[in-house]
Amino acid sequence: MAVASEINRVIAAADAKAGLLLAAEGVVLAGSAAGGAGAGPPFGYLRGAAVVLAAISVVLLVIALWPRTGGSSAWLAFPALNVGESPPDRPGLTQLADEAWAQAGTLAAIARRKYGWFRSALLVGAAGLLVFAGQLVSSALQ
């Protein structure tokens, strides 16, 4: 069960990182919306590109943060965790150990998916932040 606890920690870390990036994307969207009036070409196009990239990143982050459950075990996994008294049909230690490893595998798959979506959101968000920063610098130089 230490493996499952470690994977749960990794999943929680992915959620925390995705939440921080989601806040940063909110700043980009708010900054783009606040300065949107009177921006002609090419600044309007840069701002629009930054908004589109930030919106895509937000969607990817929401997908990364979406709660997932796996059906790996009837005894050890949420939501079917059986914490009551030991029923007569309780599996043996070997079967419980196999179920624990199956649960760890399910959690690892969840963590991989979360980090995959987070990686995609990070790349798109970084591109959006660069476009937004470039638009700010170019409009300040004018």
C-alpha atoms as a PDB file:
ATOM      1  CA  MET A   1       0.000   0.000   0.000  1.00  0.00           C
ATOM      2  CA  ALA A   2       3.032   2.299   0.225  1.00  0.00           C
ATOM      3  CA  VAL A   3       3.151   2.305  -3.574  1.00  0.00           C
ATOM      4  CA  ALA A   4      -0.474   3.449  -3.768  1.00  0.00           C
ATOM      5  CA  SER A   5       0.203   6.167  -1.177  1.00  0.00           C
ATOM      6  CA  GLU A   6       3.165   7.448  -3.170  1.00  0.00           C
ATOM      7  CA  ILE A   7       1.153   7.494  -6.388  1.00  0.00           C
ATOM      8  CA  ASN A   8      -1.635   9.349  -4.591  1.00  0.00           C
ATOM      9  CA  ARG A   9       0.964  11.927  -3.531  1.00  0.00           C
ATOM     10  CA  VAL A  10       2.091  12.272  -7.144  1.00  0.00           C
ATOM     11  CA  ILE A  11      -1.521  12.742  -8.276  1.00  0.00           C
ATOM     12  CA  ALA A  12      -2.054  15.427  -5.615  1.00  0.00           C
ATOM     13  CA  ALA A  13       1.123  17.187  -6.789  1.00  0.00           C
ATOM     14  CA  ALA A  14      -0.167  17.151 -10.382  1.00  0.00           C
ATOM     15  CA  ASP A  15      -3.434  18.686  -9.237  1.00  0.00           C
ATOM     16  CA  ALA A  16      -1.604  21.410  -7.287  1.00  0.00           C
ATOM     17  CA  LYS A  17       0.597  22.270 -10.276  1.00  0.00           C
ATOM     18  CA  ALA A  18      -2.392  22.337 -12.605  1.00  0.00           C
ATOM     19  CA  GLY A  19      -4.218  24.658 -10.191  1.00  0.00           C
ATOM     20  CA  LEU A  20      -1.293  27.081 -10.140  1.00  0.00           C
ATOM     21  CA  LEU A  21      -1.089  27.112 -13.928  1.00  0.00           C
ATOM     22  CA  LEU A  22      -4.845  27.628 -14.085  1.00  0.00           C
ATOM     23  CA  ALA A  23      -4.430  30.757 -11.928  1.00  0.00           C
ATOM     24  CA  ALA A  24      -1.684  32.039 -14.260  1.00  0.00           C
ATOM     25  CA  GLU A  25      -3.933  31.498 -17.267  1.00  0.00           C
ATOM     26  CA  GLY A  26      -6.629  33.478 -15.475  1.00  0.00           C
ATOM     27  CA  VAL A  27      -4.212  36.410 -15.215  1.00  0.00           C
ATOM     28  CA  VAL A  28      -3.513  36.215 -18.955  1.00  0.00           C
ATOM     29  CA  LEU A  29      -7.209  36.098 -19.780  1.00  0.00           C
ATOM     30  CA  ALA A  30      -7.990  38.977 -17.405  1.00  0.00           C
ATOM     31  CA  GLY A  31      -5.106  41.069 -18.746  1.00  0.00           C
ATOM     32  CA  SER A  32      -6.169  40.419 -22.317  1.00  0.00           C
ATOM     33  CA  ALA A  33      -9.769  41.322 -21.576  1.00  0.00           C
ATOM     34  CA  ALA A  34      -8.817  44.480 -19.690  1.00  0.00           C
ATOM     35  CA  GLY A  35      -6.669  45.875 -22.487  1.00  0.00           C
ATOM     36  CA  GLY A  36      -8.773  44.737 -25.416  1.00  0.00           C
ATOM     37  CA  ALA A  37     -10.379  48.029 -26.429  1.00  0.00           C
ATOM     38  CA  GLY A  38      -8.786  49.980 -29.222  1.00  0.00           C
ATOM     39  CA  ALA A  39      -6.193  47.402 -30.149  1.00  0.00           C
ATOM     40  CA  GLY A  40      -5.857  47.387 -33.895  1.00  0.00           C
ATOM     41  CA  PRO A  41      -3.781  45.110 -36.044  1.00  0.00           C
ATOM     42  CA  PRO A  42      -1.171  43.659 -35.299  1.00  0.00           C
ATOM     43  CA  PHE A  43      -1.729  44.075 -31.541  1.00  0.00           C
ATOM     44  CA  GLY A  44      -5.313  42.847 -31.709  1.00  0.00           C
ATOM     45  CA  TYR A  45      -4.171  39.695 -33.474  1.00  0.00           C
ATOM     46  CA  LEU A  46      -1.484  39.038 -30.869  1.00  0.00           C
ATOM     47  CA  ARG A  47      -3.968  39.586 -28.057  1.00  0.00           C
ATOM     48  CA  GLY A  48      -6.463  37.297 -29.781  1.00  0.00           C
ATOM     49  CA  ALA A  49      -3.831  34.607 -30.218  1.00  0.00           C
ATOM     50  CA  ALA A  50      -2.898  34.893 -26.530  1.00  0.00           C
ATOM     51  CA  VAL A  51      -6.555  34.561 -25.512  1.00  0.00           C
ATOM     52  CA  VAL A  52      -7.097  31.523 -27.746  1.00  0.00           C
ATOM     53  CA  LEU A  53      -3.945  29.815 -26.450  1.00  0.00           C
ATOM     54  CA  ALA A  54      -4.900  30.601 -22.846  1.00  0.00           C
ATOM     55  CA  ALA A  55      -8.408  29.257 -23.401  1.00  0.00           C
ATOM     56  CA  ILE A  56      -7.028  26.023 -24.890  1.00  0.00           C
ATOM     57  CA  SER A  57      -4.678  25.712 -21.932  1.00  0.00           C
ATOM     58  CA  VAL A  58      -7.571  26.224 -19.498  1.00  0.00           C
ATOM     59  CA  VAL A  59      -9.559  23.443 -21.186  1.00  0.00           C
ATOM     60  CA  LEU A  60      -6.551  21.097 -21.000  1.00  0.00           C
ATOM     61  CA  LEU A  61      -6.063  21.967 -17.317  1.00  0.00           C
ATOM     62  CA  VAL A  62      -9.709  21.248 -16.533  1.00  0.00           C
ATOM     63  CA  ILE A  63      -9.304  17.860 -18.225  1.00  0.00           C
ATOM     64  CA  ALA A  64      -6.169  17.252 -16.122  1.00  0.00           C
ATOM     65  CA  LEU A  65      -7.982  18.203 -12.918  1.00  0.00           C
ATOM     66  CA  TRP A  66     -11.104  16.166 -13.669  1.00  0.00           C
ATOM     67  CA  PRO A  67     -11.514  13.487 -10.968  1.00  0.00           C
ATOM     68  CA  ARG A  68     -11.005   9.932 -12.115  1.00  0.00           C
ATOM     69  CA  THR A  69     -11.750   6.643 -10.445  1.00  0.00           C
ATOM     70  CA  GLY A  70     -10.676   3.226 -11.564  1.00  0.00           C
ATOM     71  CA  GLY A  71     -12.398  -0.071 -11.111  1.00  0.00           C
ATOM     72  CA  SER A  72      -9.383  -2.118 -10.139  1.00  0.00           C
ATOM     73  CA  SER A  73     -10.603  -3.759  -6.960  1.00  0.00           C
ATOM     74  CA  ALA A  74     -13.758  -4.766  -5.154  1.00  0.00           C
ATOM     75  CA  TRP A  75     -11.955  -4.725  -1.811  1.00  0.00           C
ATOM     76  CA  LEU A  76      -9.228  -2.109  -1.718  1.00  0.00           C
ATOM     77  CA  ALA A  77     -10.173   0.655  -4.147  1.00  0.00           C
ATOM     78  CA  PHE A  78     -12.438   3.669  -3.872  1.00  0.00           C
ATOM     79  CA  PRO A  79     -15.459   3.709  -4.066  1.00  0.00           C
ATOM     80  CA  ALA A  80     -15.875   0.036  -3.171  1.00  0.00           C
ATOM     81  CA  LEU A  81     -13.538  -0.024  -0.159  1.00  0.00           C
ATOM     82  CA  ASN A  82     -14.953  -2.502   2.312  1.00  0.00           C
ATOM     83  CA  VAL A  83     -14.081  -1.349   5.834  1.00  0.00           C
ATOM     84  CA  GLY A  84     -16.747  -3.270   7.734  1.00  0.00           C
ATOM     85  CA  GLU A  85     -16.299  -6.504   9.614  1.00  0.00           C
ATOM     86  CA  SER A  86     -14.644  -9.306   7.726  1.00  0.00           C
ATOM     87  CA  PRO A  87     -17.356 -10.977   5.644  1.00  0.00           C
ATOM     88  CA  PRO A  88     -17.109 -14.713   4.989  1.00  0.00           C
ATOM     89  CA  ASP A  89     -16.242 -14.250   1.303  1.00  0.00           C
ATOM     90  CA  ARG A  90     -13.199 -12.073   2.009  1.00  0.00           C
ATOM     91  CA  PRO A  91     -10.311 -12.968  -0.337  1.00  0.00           C
ATOM     92  CA  GLY A  92      -7.070 -14.408   0.932  1.00  0.00           C
ATOM     93  CA  LEU A  93      -3.847 -12.495   1.443  1.00  0.00           C
ATOM     94  CA  THR A  94      -2.465 -13.435  -1.961  1.00  0.00           C
ATOM     95  CA  GLN A  95      -5.563 -12.179  -3.754  1.00  0.00           C
ATOM     96  CA  LEU A  96      -5.575  -8.993  -1.659  1.00  0.00           C
ATOM     97  CA  ALA A  97      -1.905  -8.405  -2.535  1.00  0.00           C
ATOM     98  CA  ASP A  98      -2.726  -8.875  -6.223  1.00  0.00           C
ATOM     99  CA  GLU A  99      -5.592  -6.403  -5.887  1.00  0.00           C
ATOM    100  CA  ALA A 100      -3.301  -3.908  -4.169  1.00  0.00           C
ATOM    101  CA  TRP A 101      -0.870  -4.095  -7.101  1.00  0.00           C
ATOM    102  CA  ALA A 102      -3.765  -3.740  -9.548  1.00  0.00           C
ATOM    103  CA  GLN A 103      -4.909  -0.652  -7.642  1.00  0.00           C
ATOM    104  CA  ALA A 104      -1.375   0.765  -7.779  1.00  0.00           C
ATOM    105  CA  GLY A 105      -1.360   0.146 -11.536  1.00  0.00           C
ATOM    106  CA  THR A 106      -4.697   1.934 -11.928  1.00  0.00           C
ATOM    107  CA  LEU A 107      -3.451   4.892  -9.894  1.00  0.00           C
ATOM    108  CA  ALA A 108      -0.247   5.017 -11.944  1.00  0.00           C
ATOM    109  CA  ALA A 109      -2.320   5.162 -15.147  1.00  0.00           C
ATOM    110  CA  ILE A 110      -4.341   8.031 -13.668  1.00  0.00           C
ATOM    111  CA  ALA A 111      -1.138   9.880 -12.756  1.00  0.00           C
ATOM    112  CA  ARG A 112       0.294   9.363 -16.266  1.00  0.00           C
ATOM    113  CA  ARG A 113      -2.875  10.744 -17.876  1.00  0.00           C
ATOM    114  CA  LYS A 114      -2.938  13.729 -15.516  1.00  0.00           C
ATOM    115  CA  TYR A 115       0.689  14.592 -16.233  1.00  0.00           C
ATOM    116  CA  GLY A 116       0.130  14.121 -19.976  1.00  0.00           C
ATOM    117  CA  TRP A 117      -2.717  16.632 -19.975  1.00  0.00           C
ATOM    118  CA  PHE A 118      -0.740  18.921 -17.671  1.00  0.00           C
ATOM    119  CA  ARG A 119       2.282  18.795 -20.014  1.00  0.00           C
ATOM    120  CA  SER A 120       0.088  19.726 -23.000  1.00  0.00           C
ATOM    121  CA  ALA A 121      -1.521  22.567 -21.056  1.00  0.00           C
ATOM    122  CA  LEU A 122       1.883  23.807 -19.930  1.00  0.00           C
ATOM    123  CA  LEU A 123       3.221  23.935 -23.485  1.00  0.00           C
ATOM    124  CA  VAL A 124       0.151  25.703 -24.862  1.00  0.00           C
ATOM    125  CA  GLY A 125       0.040  28.039 -21.848  1.00  0.00           C
ATOM    126  CA  ALA A 126       3.717  28.912 -22.190  1.00  0.00           C
ATOM    127  CA  ALA A 127       3.160  29.768 -25.855  1.00  0.00           C
ATOM    128  CA  GLY A 128       0.200  31.936 -24.850  1.00  0.00           C
ATOM    129  CA  LEU A 129       2.233  33.698 -22.150  1.00  0.00           C
ATOM    130  CA  LEU A 130       5.029  34.393 -24.634  1.00  0.00           C
ATOM    131  CA  VAL A 131       2.579  35.848 -27.157  1.00  0.00           C
ATOM    132  CA  PHE A 132       0.948  37.929 -24.411  1.00  0.00           C
ATOM    133  CA  ALA A 133       4.323  39.199 -23.167  1.00  0.00           C
ATOM    134  CA  GLY A 134       5.388  39.976 -26.733  1.00  0.00           C
ATOM    135  CA  GLN A 135       2.183  41.937 -27.265  1.00  0.00           C
ATOM    136  CA  LEU A 136       2.768  43.892 -24.041  1.00  0.00           C
ATOM    137  CA  VAL A 137       6.364  44.701 -24.976  1.00  0.00           C
ATOM    138  CA  SER A 138       5.500  45.696 -28.531  1.00  0.00           C
ATOM    139  CA  SER A 139       2.627  47.942 -27.405  1.00  0.00           C
ATOM    140  CA  ALA A 140       4.869  49.548 -24.744  1.00  0.00           C
ATOM    141  CA  LEU A 141       7.520  50.333 -27.353  1.00  0.00           C
ATOM    142  CA  GLN A 142       5.021  52.145 -29.548  1.00  0.00           C
END
